[in-house]
């Protein structure tokens, strides 16, 4: 079984959302994906801060 690393999971999700954002058709979909991307960046920031301590 593959070990789960939170930073790697978040990074994978960020890459996936970036691809979806580039191909999104409507403004509403782009806004929704952008909000999810911003939230994931906040999660990444939190995880990095936790690793420093």
N, C-alpha and C. Protein backbone atom coordinates (compact mmCIF):
# COMPACT_ATOMS: atom_id res chain seq x y z
N UNK A 1 0.84 -1.19 0.00
CA UNK A 1 0.00 0.00 0.00
C UNK A 1 0.88 1.25 0.00
N UNK A 2 0.52 2.22 -0.82
CA UNK A 2 1.29 3.45 -0.94
C UNK A 2 1.04 4.34 0.28
N UNK A 3 2.12 4.91 0.82
CA UNK A 3 1.99 5.82 1.95
C UNK A 3 1.36 7.14 1.48
N UNK A 4 0.52 7.71 2.30
CA UNK A 4 -0.13 8.96 1.96
C UNK A 4 0.62 10.12 2.60
N UNK A 5 1.04 11.06 1.79
CA UNK A 5 1.72 12.25 2.27
C UNK A 5 0.83 13.45 1.95
N UNK A 6 0.38 14.16 2.98
CA UNK A 6 -0.57 15.24 2.76
C UNK A 6 -0.10 16.29 1.75
N UNK A 7 1.16 16.69 1.82
CA UNK A 7 1.65 17.70 0.88
C UNK A 7 1.60 17.20 -0.56
N UNK A 8 1.93 15.94 -0.76
CA UNK A 8 1.87 15.36 -2.10
C UNK A 8 0.44 15.30 -2.61
N UNK A 9 -0.48 14.93 -1.74
CA UNK A 9 -1.90 14.88 -2.13
C UNK A 9 -2.42 16.25 -2.52
N UNK A 10 -2.08 17.26 -1.73
CA UNK A 10 -2.52 18.62 -2.04
C UNK A 10 -1.91 19.08 -3.35
N UNK A 11 -0.64 18.80 -3.56
CA UNK A 11 0.03 19.20 -4.80
C UNK A 11 -0.63 18.54 -6.02
N UNK A 12 -0.98 17.27 -5.90
CA UNK A 12 -1.66 16.58 -7.00
C UNK A 12 -3.01 17.22 -7.30
N UNK A 13 -3.74 17.57 -6.25
CA UNK A 13 -5.04 18.19 -6.43
C UNK A 13 -4.91 19.59 -7.05
N UNK A 14 -3.89 20.32 -6.66
CA UNK A 14 -3.64 21.64 -7.24
C UNK A 14 -3.37 21.51 -8.73
N UNK A 15 -2.53 20.56 -9.12
CA UNK A 15 -2.24 20.36 -10.54
C UNK A 15 -3.50 19.98 -11.31
N UNK A 16 -4.31 19.12 -10.73
CA UNK A 16 -5.56 18.70 -11.38
C UNK A 16 -6.51 19.89 -11.56
N UNK A 17 -6.64 20.70 -10.53
CA UNK A 17 -7.51 21.87 -10.62
C UNK A 17 -7.00 22.89 -11.63
N UNK A 18 -5.69 23.04 -11.73
CA UNK A 18 -5.12 23.97 -12.71
C UNK A 18 -5.46 23.52 -14.13
N UNK A 19 -5.38 22.22 -14.37
CA UNK A 19 -5.74 21.70 -15.70
C UNK A 19 -7.21 21.94 -15.99
N UNK A 20 -8.07 21.65 -15.01
CA UNK A 20 -9.51 21.85 -15.18
C UNK A 20 -9.83 23.33 -15.39
N UNK A 21 -9.12 24.20 -14.69
CA UNK A 21 -9.35 25.63 -14.81
C UNK A 21 -9.03 26.12 -16.23
N UNK A 22 -7.96 25.60 -16.81
CA UNK A 22 -7.59 26.00 -18.17
C UNK A 22 -8.62 25.56 -19.21
N UNK A 23 -9.31 24.45 -18.94
CA UNK A 23 -10.25 23.92 -19.93
C UNK A 23 -11.71 24.21 -19.59
N UNK A 24 -11.96 24.90 -18.49
CA UNK A 24 -13.33 25.19 -18.07
C UNK A 24 -14.01 26.08 -19.11
N UNK A 25 -15.29 25.81 -19.33
CA UNK A 25 -16.02 26.55 -20.34
C UNK A 25 -16.68 27.81 -19.83
N UNK A 26 -17.39 27.72 -18.73
CA UNK A 26 -18.17 28.87 -18.27
C UNK A 26 -17.43 29.63 -17.17
N UNK A 27 -17.82 30.87 -17.03
CA UNK A 27 -17.25 31.72 -15.98
C UNK A 27 -17.59 31.16 -14.60
N UNK A 28 -18.81 30.64 -14.44
CA UNK A 28 -19.22 30.08 -13.14
C UNK A 28 -18.33 28.90 -12.76
N UNK A 29 -18.04 28.04 -13.73
CA UNK A 29 -17.17 26.89 -13.45
C UNK A 29 -15.76 27.35 -13.12
N UNK A 30 -15.26 28.35 -13.85
CA UNK A 30 -13.92 28.87 -13.57
C UNK A 30 -13.86 29.48 -12.18
N UNK A 31 -14.91 30.22 -11.80
CA UNK A 31 -14.94 30.81 -10.45
C UNK A 31 -14.94 29.74 -9.37
N UNK A 32 -15.73 28.68 -9.57
CA UNK A 32 -15.80 27.59 -8.60
C UNK A 32 -14.44 26.90 -8.46
N UNK A 33 -13.80 26.63 -9.59
CA UNK A 33 -12.50 25.97 -9.58
C UNK A 33 -11.43 26.87 -8.96
N UNK A 34 -11.52 28.16 -9.24
CA UNK A 34 -10.56 29.10 -8.68
C UNK A 34 -10.68 29.16 -7.16
N UNK A 35 -11.93 29.19 -6.66
CA UNK A 35 -12.13 29.18 -5.19
C UNK A 35 -11.56 27.91 -4.57
N UNK A 36 -11.76 26.77 -5.22
CA UNK A 36 -11.21 25.51 -4.71
C UNK A 36 -9.68 25.57 -4.71
N UNK A 37 -9.11 26.16 -5.76
CA UNK A 37 -7.66 26.28 -5.84
C UNK A 37 -7.11 27.16 -4.72
N UNK A 38 -7.78 28.27 -4.46
CA UNK A 38 -7.37 29.16 -3.36
C UNK A 38 -7.46 28.43 -2.02
N UNK A 39 -8.52 27.66 -1.82
CA UNK A 39 -8.66 26.89 -0.58
C UNK A 39 -7.54 25.87 -0.43
N UNK A 40 -7.19 25.20 -1.52
CA UNK A 40 -6.10 24.22 -1.46
C UNK A 40 -4.76 24.89 -1.16
N UNK A 41 -4.56 26.08 -1.69
CA UNK A 41 -3.33 26.80 -1.38
C UNK A 41 -3.26 27.14 0.11
N UNK A 42 -4.41 27.44 0.70
CA UNK A 42 -4.46 27.66 2.15
C UNK A 42 -4.12 26.40 2.93
N UNK A 43 -4.61 25.27 2.45
CA UNK A 43 -4.28 23.98 3.08
C UNK A 43 -2.78 23.73 2.97
N UNK A 44 -2.21 24.00 1.79
CA UNK A 44 -0.77 23.81 1.59
C UNK A 44 0.02 24.71 2.54
N UNK A 45 -0.40 25.95 2.69
CA UNK A 45 0.28 26.88 3.60
C UNK A 45 0.21 26.35 5.04
N UNK A 46 -0.94 25.85 5.45
CA UNK A 46 -1.10 25.30 6.79
C UNK A 46 -0.17 24.10 7.00
N UNK A 47 -0.14 23.18 6.03
CA UNK A 47 0.70 21.99 6.16
C UNK A 47 2.18 22.35 6.22
N UNK A 48 2.58 23.32 5.43
CA UNK A 48 3.99 23.76 5.47
C UNK A 48 4.32 24.40 6.80
N UNK A 49 3.40 25.16 7.36
CA UNK A 49 3.63 25.79 8.67
C UNK A 49 3.74 24.72 9.76
N UNK A 50 2.94 23.67 9.65
CA UNK A 50 2.98 22.58 10.64
C UNK A 50 4.28 21.81 10.56
N UNK A 51 4.84 21.68 9.36
CA UNK A 51 6.11 20.97 9.19
C UNK A 51 7.29 21.73 9.77
N UNK A 52 7.17 23.05 9.89
CA UNK A 52 8.26 23.86 10.44
C UNK A 52 8.37 23.69 11.95
N UNK A 53 7.28 23.32 12.60
CA UNK A 53 7.28 23.21 14.07
C UNK A 53 7.54 21.83 14.53
